[in-house]
Amino acid sequence: MEMDAEAFETLVVDELDRLPDDMVDGLENVVFVVEDRPEDGSLDLLGLYDGLAVTERGSYGMGELPDRIVVYREPHLAQCDDLDEVRDEVHTTLVHEIAHYYGIDDAQLHEMGWA
């Protein structure tokens, strides 16, 4: 599957807009970023939550850098055969990484069918 960076970013924004309001309304000081690949160059990692889960932090102060949710374009495209699969996988990745923001770990995500 091939898709340029701009089209993939648009797809990610569209999928983010489709998520339930109660899932995204609680997000505070989080930015969503699209990158081509993880730093190690692998195609295994689809997304990453880079931050401290709400369950493990106090409140943010002035000047705190935002947490980041990264969605990797090339791994998604390598694992999907068509546009519908890409959309589904991006949706799952967003839910998965947002869940980490809320303090839900991989074991819990696996039990819920999102890992």
PDB file of N, CA and C in Angstrom:
ATOM      1  N   MET A   1       0.844  -1.176   0.000  1.00  0.00           N
ATOM      2  CA  MET A   1       0.000   0.000   0.000  1.00  0.00           C
ATOM      3  C   MET A   1       0.889   1.239   0.000  1.00  0.00           C
ATOM      4  N   GLU A   2       0.542   2.198  -0.819  1.00  0.00           N
ATOM      5  CA  GLU A   2       1.295   3.448  -0.880  1.00  0.00           C
ATOM      6  C   GLU A   2       0.371   4.617  -0.598  1.00  0.00           C
ATOM      7  N   MET A   3       0.910   5.593   0.136  1.00  0.00           N
ATOM      8  CA  MET A   3       0.163   6.807   0.446  1.00  0.00           C
ATOM      9  C   MET A   3       1.194   7.847   0.876  1.00  0.00           C
ATOM     10  N   ASP A   4       1.114   9.038   0.304  1.00  0.00           N
ATOM     11  CA  ASP A   4       2.088  10.054   0.684  1.00  0.00           C
ATOM     12  C   ASP A   4       1.785  10.584   2.088  1.00  0.00           C
ATOM     13  N   ALA A   5       2.742  11.309   2.630  1.00  0.00           N
ATOM     14  CA  ALA A   5       2.656  11.787   4.015  1.00  0.00           C
ATOM     15  C   ALA A   5       1.439  12.680   4.243  1.00  0.00           C
ATOM     16  N   GLU A   6       1.151  13.544   3.306  1.00  0.00           N
ATOM     17  CA  GLU A   6       0.017  14.471   3.459  1.00  0.00           C
ATOM     18  C   GLU A   6      -1.316  13.717   3.495  1.00  0.00           C
ATOM     19  N   ALA A   7      -1.504  12.769   2.607  1.00  0.00           N
ATOM     20  CA  ALA A   7      -2.744  11.989   2.582  1.00  0.00           C
ATOM     21  C   ALA A   7      -2.895  11.150   3.846  1.00  0.00           C
ATOM     22  N   PHE A   8      -1.783  10.600   4.324  1.00  0.00           N
ATOM     23  CA  PHE A   8      -1.836   9.795   5.539  1.00  0.00           C
ATOM     24  C   PHE A   8      -2.191  10.671   6.741  1.00  0.00           C
ATOM     25  N   GLU A   9      -1.596  11.837   6.825  1.00  0.00           N
ATOM     26  CA  GLU A   9      -1.905  12.744   7.929  1.00  0.00           C
ATOM     27  C   GLU A   9      -3.384  13.144   7.907  1.00  0.00           C
ATOM     28  N   THR A  10      -3.922  13.389   6.733  1.00  0.00           N
ATOM     29  CA  THR A  10      -5.347  13.705   6.603  1.00  0.00           C
ATOM     30  C   THR A  10      -6.198  12.539   7.091  1.00  0.00           C
ATOM     31  N   LEU A  11      -5.811  11.323   6.743  1.00  0.00           N
ATOM     32  CA  LEU A  11      -6.524  10.131   7.203  1.00  0.00           C
ATOM     33  C   LEU A  11      -6.484  10.032   8.725  1.00  0.00           C
ATOM     34  N   VAL A  12      -5.330  10.305   9.329  1.00  0.00           N
ATOM     35  CA  VAL A  12      -5.201  10.255  10.788  1.00  0.00           C
ATOM     36  C   VAL A  12      -6.125  11.286  11.433  1.00  0.00           C
ATOM     37  N   VAL A  13      -6.152  12.489  10.906  1.00  0.00           N
ATOM     38  CA  VAL A  13      -7.035  13.541  11.445  1.00  0.00           C
ATOM     39  C   VAL A  13      -8.492  13.119  11.308  1.00  0.00           C
ATOM     40  N   ASP A  14      -8.866  12.554  10.167  1.00  0.00           N
ATOM     41  CA  ASP A  14     -10.236  12.077   9.967  1.00  0.00           C
ATOM     42  C   ASP A  14     -10.606  11.002  10.978  1.00  0.00           C
ATOM     43  N   GLU A  15      -9.697  10.058  11.233  1.00  0.00           N
ATOM     44  CA  GLU A  15      -9.971   8.994  12.200  1.00  0.00           C
ATOM     45  C   GLU A  15     -10.023   9.546  13.623  1.00  0.00           C
ATOM     46  N   LEU A  16      -9.208  10.514  13.910  1.00  0.00           N
ATOM     47  CA  LEU A  16      -9.251  11.158  15.224  1.00  0.00           C
ATOM     48  C   LEU A  16     -10.600  11.849  15.423  1.00  0.00           C
ATOM     49  N   ASP A  17     -11.097  12.489  14.391  1.00  0.00           N
ATOM     50  CA  ASP A  17     -12.414  13.147  14.454  1.00  0.00           C
ATOM     51  C   ASP A  17     -13.546  12.152  14.646  1.00  0.00           C
ATOM     52  N   ARG A  18     -13.361  10.917  14.224  1.00  0.00           N
ATOM     53  CA  ARG A  18     -14.402   9.892  14.335  1.00  0.00           C
ATOM     54  C   ARG A  18     -14.448   9.222  15.713  1.00  0.00           C
ATOM     55  N   LEU A  19     -13.435   9.454  16.538  1.00  0.00           N
ATOM     56  CA  LEU A  19     -13.417   8.840  17.861  1.00  0.00           C
ATOM     57  C   LEU A  19     -14.512   9.447  18.734  1.00  0.00           C
ATOM     58  N   PRO A  20     -15.030   8.663  19.675  1.00  0.00           N
ATOM     59  CA  PRO A  20     -16.090   9.172  20.556  1.00  0.00           C
ATOM     60  C   PRO A  20     -15.620  10.389  21.357  1.00  0.00           C
ATOM     61  N   ASP A  21     -16.511  11.355  21.536  1.00  0.00           N
ATOM     62  CA  ASP A  21     -16.166  12.568  22.267  1.00  0.00           C
ATOM     63  C   ASP A  21     -15.657  12.269  23.669  1.00  0.00           C
ATOM     64  N   ASP A  22     -16.273  11.291  24.346  1.00  0.00           N
ATOM     65  CA  ASP A  22     -15.849  11.015  25.723  1.00  0.00           C
ATOM     66  C   ASP A  22     -14.436  10.448  25.784  1.00  0.00           C
ATOM     67  N   MET A  23     -13.917   9.975  24.665  1.00  0.00           N
ATOM     68  CA  MET A  23     -12.544   9.469  24.629  1.00  0.00           C
ATOM     69  C   MET A  23     -11.549  10.616  24.467  1.00  0.00           C
ATOM     70  N   VAL A  24     -11.885  11.604  23.675  1.00  0.00           N
ATOM     71  CA  VAL A  24     -10.932  12.673  23.374  1.00  0.00           C
ATOM     72  C   VAL A  24     -11.144  13.940  24.200  1.00  0.00           C
ATOM     73  N   ASP A  25     -12.336  14.127  24.756  1.00  0.00           N
ATOM     74  CA  ASP A  25     -12.587  15.345  25.524  1.00  0.00           C
ATOM     75  C   ASP A  25     -11.707  15.455  26.758  1.00  0.00           C
ATOM     76  N   GLY A  26     -11.286  14.334  27.332  1.00  0.00           N
ATOM     77  CA  GLY A  26     -10.453  14.360  28.521  1.00  0.00           C
ATOM     78  C   GLY A  26      -8.972  14.542  28.246  1.00  0.00           C
ATOM     79  N   LEU A  27      -8.577  14.557  26.982  1.00  0.00           N
ATOM     80  CA  LEU A  27      -7.164  14.721  26.647  1.00  0.00           C
ATOM     81  C   LEU A  27      -6.730  16.154  26.941  1.00  0.00           C
ATOM     82  N   GLU A  28      -5.653  16.269  27.701  1.00  0.00           N
ATOM     83  CA  GLU A  28      -5.156  17.586  28.072  1.00  0.00           C
ATOM     84  C   GLU A  28      -3.655  17.625  27.851  1.00  0.00           C
ATOM     85  N   ASN A  29      -3.209  18.642  27.153  1.00  0.00           N
ATOM     86  CA  ASN A  29      -1.786  18.850  26.893  1.00  0.00           C
ATOM     87  C   ASN A  29      -1.186  17.661  26.133  1.00  0.00           C
ATOM     88  N   VAL A  30      -1.880  17.242  25.062  1.00  0.00           N
ATOM     89  CA  VAL A  30      -1.441  16.140  24.208  1.00  0.00           C
ATOM     90  C   VAL A  30      -1.441  16.624  22.759  1.00  0.00           C
ATOM     91  N   VAL A  31      -0.377  16.314  22.043  1.00  0.00           N
ATOM     92  CA  VAL A  31      -0.331  16.600  20.615  1.00  0.00           C
ATOM     93  C   VAL A  31      -0.262  15.275  19.857  1.00  0.00           C
ATOM     94  N   PHE A  32      -0.858  15.252  18.689  1.00  0.00           N
ATOM     95  CA  PHE A  32      -0.807  14.091  17.806  1.00  0.00           C
ATOM     96  C   PHE A  32       0.171  14.411  16.690  1.00  0.00           C
ATOM     97  N   VAL A  33       1.071  13.462  16.435  1.00  0.00           N
ATOM     98  CA  VAL A  33       2.138  13.660  15.462  1.00  0.00           C
ATOM     99  C   VAL A  33       2.158  12.459  14.519  1.00  0.00           C
ATOM    100  N   VAL A  34       2.375  12.727  13.244  1.00  0.00           N
ATOM    101  CA  VAL A  34       2.564  11.654  12.271  1.00  0.00           C
ATOM    102  C   VAL A  34       4.031  11.671  11.860  1.00  0.00           C
ATOM    103  N   GLU A  35       4.678  10.518  11.961  1.00  0.00           N
ATOM    104  CA  GLU A  35       6.064  10.371  11.522  1.00  0.00           C
ATOM    105  C   GLU A  35       6.137   9.178  10.575  1.00  0.00           C
ATOM    106  N   ASP A  36       7.174   9.147   9.749  1.00  0.00           N
ATOM    107  CA  ASP A  36       7.307   8.053   8.790  1.00  0.00           C
ATOM    108  C   ASP A  36       7.573   6.716   9.474  1.00  0.00           C
ATOM    109  N   ARG A  37       8.571   6.685  10.373  1.00  0.00           N
ATOM    110  CA  ARG A  37       8.978   5.438  11.051  1.00  0.00           C
ATOM    111  C   ARG A  37       9.464   5.759  12.455  1.00  0.00           C
ATOM    112  N   PRO A  38       9.483   4.737  13.305  1.00  0.00           N
ATOM    113  CA  PRO A  38      10.134   4.919  14.612  1.00  0.00           C
ATOM    114  C   PRO A  38      11.630   5.201  14.411  1.00  0.00           C
ATOM    115  N   GLU A  39      12.261   5.743  15.446  1.00  0.00           N
ATOM    116  CA  GLU A  39      13.688   6.085  15.358  1.00  0.00           C
ATOM    117  C   GLU A  39      14.568   4.906  14.974  1.00  0.00           C
ATOM    118  N   ASP A  40      14.200   3.702  15.393  1.00  0.00           N
ATOM    119  CA  ASP A  40      15.042   2.535  15.071  1.00  0.00           C
ATOM    120  C   ASP A  40      14.831   2.035  13.644  1.00  0.00           C
ATOM    121  N   GLY A  41      13.910   2.664  12.901  1.00  0.00           N
ATOM    122  CA  GLY A  41      13.693   2.312  11.505  1.00  0.00           C
ATOM    123  C   GLY A  41      12.829   1.089  11.276  1.00  0.00           C
ATOM    124  N   SER A  42      12.336   0.481  12.348  1.00  0.00           N
ATOM    125  CA  SER A  42      11.546  -0.744  12.202  1.00  0.00           C
ATOM    126  C   SER A  42      10.156  -0.452  11.645  1.00  0.00           C
ATOM    127  N   LEU A  43       9.529  -1.503  11.178  1.00  0.00           N
ATOM    128  CA  LEU A  43       8.153  -1.395  10.688  1.00  0.00           C
ATOM    129  C   LEU A  43       7.180  -2.119  11.615  1.00  0.00           C
ATOM    130  N   ASP A  44       7.641  -2.447  12.818  1.00  0.00           N
ATOM    131  CA  ASP A  44       6.812  -3.199  13.756  1.00  0.00           C
ATOM    132  C   ASP A  44       5.919  -2.320  14.625  1.00  0.00           C
ATOM    133  N   LEU A  45       6.362  -1.112  14.920  1.00  0.00           N
ATOM    134  CA  LEU A  45       5.643  -0.234  15.828  1.00  0.00           C
ATOM    135  C   LEU A  45       4.724   0.699  15.048  1.00  0.00           C
ATOM    136  N   LEU A  46       3.428   0.654  15.349  1.00  0.00           N
ATOM    137  CA  LEU A  46       2.455   1.473  14.630  1.00  0.00           C
ATOM    138  C   LEU A  46       2.236   2.833  15.274  1.00  0.00           C
ATOM    139  N   GLY A  47       2.391   2.894  16.595  1.00  0.00           N
ATOM    140  CA  GLY A  47       2.176   4.143  17.299  1.00  0.00           C
ATOM    141  C   GLY A  47       2.915   4.145  18.617  1.00  0.00           C
ATOM    142  N   LEU A  48       2.942   5.323  19.248  1.00  0.00           N
ATOM    143  CA  LEU A  48       3.662   5.473  20.498  1.00  0.00           C
ATOM    144  C   LEU A  48       3.013   6.574  21.329  1.00  0.00           C
ATOM    145  N   TYR A  49       2.812   6.280  22.619  1.00  0.00           N
ATOM    146  CA  TYR A  49       2.424   7.336  23.556  1.00  0.00           C
ATOM    147  C   TYR A  49       3.685   7.753  24.279  1.00  0.00           C
ATOM    148  N   ASP A  50       4.069   8.998  24.151  1.00  0.00           N
ATOM    149  CA  ASP A  50       5.271   9.538  24.769  1.00  0.00           C
ATOM    150  C   ASP A  50       4.835  10.558  25.816  1.00  0.00           C
ATOM    151  N   GLY A  51       4.707  10.090  27.040  1.00  0.00           N
ATOM    152  CA  GLY A  51       4.271  10.973  28.110  1.00  0.00           C
ATOM    153  C   GLY A  51       4.050  10.201  29.386  1.00  0.00           C
ATOM    154  N   LEU A  52       3.413  10.852  30.320  1.00  0.00           N
ATOM    155  CA  LEU A  52       3.118  10.267  31.614  1.00  0.00           C
ATOM    156  C   LEU A  52       1.604  10.150  31.743  1.00  0.00           C
ATOM    157  N   ALA A  53       1.127   8.927  31.943  1.00  0.00           N
ATOM    158  CA  ALA A  53      -0.317   8.692  32.026  1.00  0.00           C
ATOM    159  C   ALA A  53      -0.951   9.547  33.117  1.00  0.00           C
ATOM    160  N   VAL A  54      -2.196   9.927  32.915  1.00  0.00           N
ATOM    161  CA  VAL A  54      -2.908  10.750  33.898  1.00  0.00           C
ATOM    162  C   VAL A  54      -2.947  10.094  35.270  1.00  0.00           C
ATOM    163  N   THR A  55      -2.926   8.788  35.303  1.00  0.00           N
ATOM    164  CA  THR A  55      -2.976   8.071  36.570  1.00  0.00           C
ATOM    165  C   THR A  55      -1.661   8.171  37.343  1.00  0.00           C
ATOM    166  N   GLU A  56      -0.614   8.678  36.705  1.00  0.00           N
ATOM    167  CA  GLU A  56       0.704   8.735  37.333  1.00  0.00           C
ATOM    168  C   GLU A  56       1.224  10.158  37.522  1.00  0.00           C
ATOM    169  N   ARG A  57       0.408  11.147  37.249  1.00  0.00           N
ATOM    170  CA  ARG A  57       0.913  12.514  37.317  1.00  0.00           C
ATOM    171  C   ARG A  57       0.059  13.383  38.229  1.00  0.00           C
ATOM    172  N   GLY A  58       0.654  14.502  38.604  1.00  0.00           N
ATOM    173  CA  GLY A  58      -0.095  15.546  39.291  1.00  0.00           C
ATOM    174  C   GLY A  58      -0.696  16.436  38.227  1.00  0.00           C
ATOM    175  N   SER A  59      -0.685  17.714  38.439  1.00  0.00           N
ATOM    176  CA  SER A  59      -1.193  18.623  37.419  1.00  0.00           C
ATOM    177  C   SER A  59      -0.019  19.262  36.693  1.00  0.00           C
ATOM    178  N   TYR A  60      -0.261  19.660  35.481  1.00  0.00           N
ATOM    179  CA  TYR A  60       0.770  20.323  34.701  1.00  0.00           C
ATOM    180  C   TYR A  60       0.919  21.761  35.169  1.00  0.00           C
ATOM    181  N   GLY A  61       2.141  22.253  35.079  1.00  0.00           N
ATOM    182  CA  GLY A  61       2.392  23.647  35.389  1.00  0.00           C
ATOM    183  C   GLY A  61       2.662  24.413  34.109  1.00  0.00           C
ATOM    184  N   MET A  62       2.940  25.655  34.263  1.00  0.00           N
ATOM    185  CA  MET A  62       3.240  26.503  33.106  1.00  0.00           C
ATOM    186  C   MET A  62       4.513  26.000  32.421  1.00  0.00           C
ATOM    187  N   GLY A  63       4.512  25.986  31.132  1.00  0.00           N
ATOM    188  CA  GLY A  63       5.696  25.638  30.383  1.00  0.00           C
ATOM    189  C   GLY A  63       5.969  24.158  30.212  1.00  0.00           C
ATOM    190  N   GLU A  64       5.081  23.308  30.682  1.00  0.00           N
ATOM    191  CA  GLU A  64       5.273  21.862  30.508  1.00  0.00           C
ATOM    192  C   GLU A  64       5.140  21.496  29.031  1.00  0.00           C
ATOM    193  N   LEU A  65       6.040  20.666  28.556  1.00  0.00           N
ATOM    194  CA  LEU A  65       5.910  20.170  27.188  1.00  0.00           C
ATOM    195  C   LEU A  65       4.717  19.234  27.114  1.00  0.00           C
ATOM    196  N   PRO A  66       4.016  19.218  26.001  1.00  0.00           N
ATOM    197  CA  PRO A  66       2.866  18.314  25.894  1.00  0.00           C
ATOM    198  C   PRO A  66       3.296  16.859  25.721  1.00  0.00           C
ATOM    199  N   ASP A  67       2.433  15.955  26.152  1.00  0.00           N
ATOM    200  CA  ASP A  67       2.604  14.547  25.819  1.00  0.00           C
ATOM    201  C   ASP A  67       2.408  14.426  24.313  1.00  0.00           C
ATOM    202  N   ARG A  68       2.934  13.336  23.747  1.00  0.00           N
ATOM    203  CA  ARG A  68       2.793  13.124  22.302  1.00  0.00           C
ATOM    204  C   ARG A  68       2.212  11.750  22.028  1.00  0.00           C
ATOM    205  N   ILE A  69       1.321  11.713  21.074  1.00  0.00           N
ATOM    206  CA  ILE A  69       0.872  10.446  20.508  1.00  0.00           C
ATOM    207  C   ILE A  69       1.353  10.452  19.068  1.00  0.00           C
ATOM    208  N   VAL A  70       2.213   9.494  18.758  1.00  0.00           N
ATOM    209  CA  VAL A  70       2.827   9.417  17.435  1.00  0.00           C
ATOM    210  C   VAL A  70       2.193   8.262  16.663  1.00  0.00           C
ATOM    211  N   VAL A  71       1.806   8.530  15.428  1.00  0.00           N
ATOM    212  CA  VAL A  71       1.302   7.498  14.523  1.00  0.00           C
ATOM    213  C   VAL A  71       2.319   7.391  13.389  1.00  0.00           C
ATOM    214  N   TYR A  72       2.805   6.175  13.160  1.00  0.00           N
ATOM    215  CA  TYR A  72       3.843   5.948  12.154  1.00  0.00           C
ATOM    216  C   TYR A  72       3.226   5.509  10.828  1.00  0.00           C
ATOM    217  N   ARG A  73       3.536   6.251   9.788  1.00  0.00           N
ATOM    218  CA  ARG A  73       2.945   6.031   8.458  1.00  0.00           C
ATOM    219  C   ARG A  73       3.438   4.744   7.796  1.00  0.00           C
ATOM    220  N   GLU A  74       4.744   4.573   7.659  1.00  0.00           N
ATOM    221  CA  GLU A  74       5.269   3.441   6.895  1.00  0.00           C
ATOM    222  C   GLU A  74       4.896   2.080   7.486  1.00  0.00           C
ATOM    223  N   PRO A  75       4.951   1.898   8.812  1.00  0.00           N
ATOM    224  CA  PRO A  75       4.510   0.607   9.356  1.00  0.00           C
ATOM    225  C   PRO A  75       3.036   0.309   9.065  1.00  0.00           C
ATOM    226  N   HIS A  76       2.187   1.326   9.127  1.00  0.00           N
ATOM    227  CA  HIS A  76       0.776   1.105   8.793  1.00  0.00           C
ATOM    228  C   HIS A  76       0.629   0.648   7.340  1.00  0.00           C
ATOM    229  N   LEU A  77       1.321   1.349   6.461  1.00  0.00           N
ATOM    230  CA  LEU A  77       1.196   1.022   5.037  1.00  0.00           C
ATOM    231  C   LEU A  77       1.797  -0.345   4.723  1.00  0.00           C
ATOM    232  N   ALA A  78       2.847  -0.724   5.446  1.00  0.00           N
ATOM    233  CA  ALA A  78       3.475  -2.031   5.220  1.00  0.00           C
ATOM    234  C   ALA A  78       2.571  -3.176   5.666  1.00  0.00           C
ATOM    235  N   GLN A  79       1.717  -2.920   6.649  1.00  0.00           N
ATOM    236  CA  GLN A  79       0.883  -3.982   7.203  1.00  0.00           C
ATOM    237  C   GLN A  79      -0.517  -4.043   6.592  1.00  0.00           C
ATOM    238  N   CYS A  80      -0.853  -3.081   5.743  1.00  0.00           N
ATOM    239  CA  CYS A  80      -2.216  -3.018   5.206  1.00  0.00           C
ATOM    240  C   CYS A  80      -2.205  -3.165   3.692  1.00  0.00           C
ATOM    241  N   ASP A  81      -3.278  -3.774   3.190  1.00  0.00           N
ATOM    242  CA  ASP A  81      -3.380  -4.008   1.748  1.00  0.00           C
ATOM    243  C   ASP A  81      -4.201  -2.966   1.009  1.00  0.00           C
ATOM    244  N   ASP A  82      -5.094  -2.271   1.735  1.00  0.00           N
ATOM    245  CA  ASP A  82      -5.948  -1.293   1.067  1.00  0.00           C
ATOM    246  C   ASP A  82      -6.321  -0.169   2.027  1.00  0.00           C
ATOM    247  N   LEU A  83      -6.991   0.834   1.510  1.00  0.00           N
ATOM    248  CA  LEU A  83      -7.337   2.024   2.280  1.00  0.00           C
ATOM    249  C   LEU A  83      -8.215   1.706   3.484  1.00  0.00           C
ATOM    250  N   ASP A  84      -9.158   0.801   3.330  1.00  0.00           N
ATOM    251  CA  ASP A  84     -10.021   0.438   4.460  1.00  0.00           C
ATOM    252  C   ASP A  84      -9.225  -0.177   5.604  1.00  0.00           C
ATOM    253  N   GLU A  85      -8.264  -1.023   5.278  1.00  0.00           N
ATOM    254  CA  GLU A  85      -7.409  -1.610   6.314  1.00  0.00           C
ATOM    255  C   GLU A  85      -6.576  -0.542   7.004  1.00  0.00           C
ATOM    256  N   VAL A  86      -6.064   0.416   6.234  1.00  0.00           N
ATOM    257  CA  VAL A  86      -5.274   1.499   6.824  1.00  0.00           C
ATOM    258  C   VAL A  86      -6.142   2.286   7.805  1.00  0.00           C
ATOM    259  N   ARG A  87      -7.352   2.633   7.378  1.00  0.00           N
ATOM    260  CA  ARG A  87      -8.266   3.371   8.267  1.00  0.00           C
ATOM    261  C   ARG A  87      -8.532   2.592   9.555  1.00  0.00           C
ATOM    262  N   ASP A  88      -8.836   1.320   9.427  1.00  0.00           N
ATOM    263  CA  ASP A  88      -9.120   0.489  10.605  1.00  0.00           C
ATOM    264  C   ASP A  88      -7.914   0.415  11.533  1.00  0.00           C
ATOM    265  N   GLU A  89      -6.741   0.245  10.957  1.00  0.00           N
ATOM    266  CA  GLU A  89      -5.533   0.108  11.778  1.00  0.00           C
ATOM    267  C   GLU A  89      -5.162   1.432  12.438  1.00  0.00           C
ATOM    268  N   VAL A  90      -5.324   2.531  11.736  1.00  0.00           N
ATOM    269  CA  VAL A  90      -5.060   3.845  12.333  1.00  0.00           C
ATOM    270  C   VAL A  90      -6.041   4.094  13.474  1.00  0.00           C
ATOM    271  N   HIS A  91      -7.299   3.747  13.276  1.00  0.00           N
ATOM    272  CA  HIS A  91      -8.310   3.884  14.331  1.00  0.00           C
ATOM    273  C   HIS A  91      -7.894   3.096  15.575  1.00  0.00           C
ATOM    274  N   THR A  92      -7.511   1.843  15.377  1.00  0.00           N
ATOM    275  CA  THR A  92      -7.086   0.992  16.488  1.00  0.00           C
ATOM    276  C   THR A  92      -5.847   1.571  17.167  1.00  0.00           C
ATOM    277  N   THR A  93      -4.897   2.062  16.384  1.00  0.00           N
ATOM    278  CA  THR A  93      -3.681   2.652  16.952  1.00  0.00           C
ATOM    279  C   THR A  93      -4.007   3.878  17.793  1.00  0.00           C
ATOM    280  N   LEU A  94      -4.887   4.741  17.301  1.00  0.00           N
ATOM    281  CA  LEU A  94      -5.274   5.923  18.067  1.00  0.00           C
ATOM    282  C   LEU A  94      -5.922   5.534  19.390  1.00  0.00           C
ATOM    283  N   VAL A  95      -6.854   4.595  19.349  1.00  0.00           N
ATOM    284  CA  VAL A  95      -7.510   4.137  20.579  1.00  0.00           C
ATOM    285  C   VAL A  95      -6.470   3.569  21.535  1.00  0.00           C
ATOM    286  N   HIS A  96      -5.571   2.762  21.020  1.00  0.00           N
ATOM    287  CA  HIS A  96      -4.531   2.117  21.825  1.00  0.00           C
ATOM    288  C   HIS A  96      -3.653   3.163  22.529  1.00  0.00           C
ATOM    289  N   GLU A  97      -3.176   4.140  21.795  1.00  0.00           N
ATOM    290  CA  GLU A  97      -2.277   5.141  22.367  1.00  0.00           C
ATOM    291  C   GLU A  97      -3.014   6.088  23.308  1.00  0.00           C
ATOM    292  N   ILE A  98      -4.242   6.443  22.994  1.00  0.00           N
ATOM    293  CA  ILE A  98      -5.045   7.269  23.900  1.00  0.00           C
ATOM    294  C   ILE A  98      -5.303   6.507  25.200  1.00  0.00           C
ATOM    295  N   ALA A  99      -5.506   5.213  25.096  1.00  0.00           N
ATOM    296  CA  ALA A  99      -5.708   4.398  26.296  1.00  0.00           C
ATOM    297  C   ALA A  99      -4.480   4.473  27.204  1.00  0.00           C
ATOM    298  N   HIS A 100      -3.288   4.482  26.625  1.00  0.00           N
ATOM    299  CA  HIS A 100      -2.076   4.629  27.439  1.00  0.00           C
ATOM    300  C   HIS A 100      -2.071   5.975  28.167  1.00  0.00           C
ATOM    301  N   TYR A 101      -2.551   7.023  27.524  1.00  0.00           N
ATOM    302  CA  TYR A 101      -2.674   8.334  28.178  1.00  0.00           C
ATOM    303  C   TYR A 101      -3.530   8.209  29.442  1.00  0.00           C
ATOM    304  N   TYR A 102      -4.594   7.426  29.360  1.00  0.00           N
ATOM    305  CA  TYR A 102      -5.504   7.244  30.494  1.00  0.00           C
ATOM    306  C   TYR A 102      -5.014   6.196  31.492  1.00  0.00           C
ATOM    307  N   GLY A 103      -3.828   5.629  31.258  1.00  0.00           N
ATOM    308  CA  GLY A 103      -3.249   4.689  32.203  1.00  0.00           C
ATOM    309  C   GLY A 103      -3.634   3.243  31.980  1.00  0.00           C
ATOM    310  N   ILE A 104      -4.189   2.928  30.831  1.00  0.00           N
ATOM    311  CA  ILE A 104      -4.562   1.549  30.502  1.00  0.00           C
ATOM    312  C   ILE A 104      -3.354   0.887  29.847  1.00  0.00           C
ATOM    313  N   ASP A 105      -2.873  -0.196  30.440  1.00  0.00           N
ATOM    314  CA  ASP A 105      -1.668  -0.839  29.924  1.00  0.00           C
ATOM    315  C   ASP A 105      -2.005  -1.868  28.840  1.00  0.00           C
ATOM    316  N   ASP A 106      -0.955  -2.459  28.251  1.00  0.00           N
ATOM    317  CA  ASP A 106      -1.141  -3.403  27.145  1.00  0.00           C
ATOM    318  C   ASP A 106      -1.940  -4.637  27.552  1.00  0.00           C
ATOM    319  N   ALA A 107      -1.743  -5.118  28.775  1.00  0.00           N
ATOM    320  CA  ALA A 107      -2.497  -6.291  29.237  1.00  0.00           C
ATOM    321  C   ALA A 107      -4.000  -5.989  29.269  1.00  0.00           C
ATOM    322  N   GLN A 108      -4.358  -4.819  29.787  1.00  0.00           N
ATOM    323  CA  GLN A 108      -5.768  -4.434  29.817  1.00  0.00           C
ATOM    324  C   GLN A 108      -6.308  -4.228  28.404  1.00  0.00           C
ATOM    325  N   LEU A 109      -5.503  -3.626  27.547  1.00  0.00           N
ATOM    326  CA  LEU A 109      -5.923  -3.424  26.158  1.00  0.00           C
ATOM    327  C   LEU A 109      -6.143  -4.759  25.459  1.00  0.00           C
ATOM    328  N   HIS A 110      -5.278  -5.726  25.747  1.00  0.00           N
ATOM    329  CA  HIS A 110      -5.424  -7.050  25.162  1.00  0.00           C
ATOM    330  C   HIS A 110      -6.760  -7.683  25.607  1.00  0.00           C
ATOM    331  N   GLU A 111      -7.062  -7.562  26.880  1.00  0.00           N
ATOM    332  CA  GLU A 111      -8.338  -8.091  27.394  1.00  0.00           C
ATOM    333  C   GLU A 111      -9.534  -7.433  26.712  1.00  0.00           C
ATOM    334  N   MET A 112      -9.385  -6.144  26.356  1.00  0.00           N
ATOM    335  CA  MET A 112     -10.485  -5.421  25.725  1.00  0.00           C
ATOM    336  C   MET A 112     -10.494  -5.568  24.201  1.00  0.00           C
ATOM    337  N   GLY A 113      -9.489  -6.268  23.665  1.00  0.00           N
ATOM    338  CA  GLY A 113      -9.436  -6.507  22.226  1.00  0.00           C
ATOM    339  C   GLY A 113      -8.778  -5.402  21.423  1.00  0.00           C
ATOM    340  N   TRP A 114      -8.006  -4.499  22.078  1.00  0.00           N
ATOM    341  CA  TRP A 114      -7.381  -3.392  21.381  1.00  0.00           C
ATOM    342  C   TRP A 114      -5.872  -3.528  21.278  1.00  0.00           C
ATOM    343  N   ALA A 115      -5.338  -4.681  21.660  1.00  0.00           N
ATOM    344  CA  ALA A 115      -3.869  -4.843  21.586  1.00  0.00           C
ATOM    345  C   ALA A 115      -3.515  -6.021  20.715  1.00  0.00           C
TER     346      ALA A 115
END
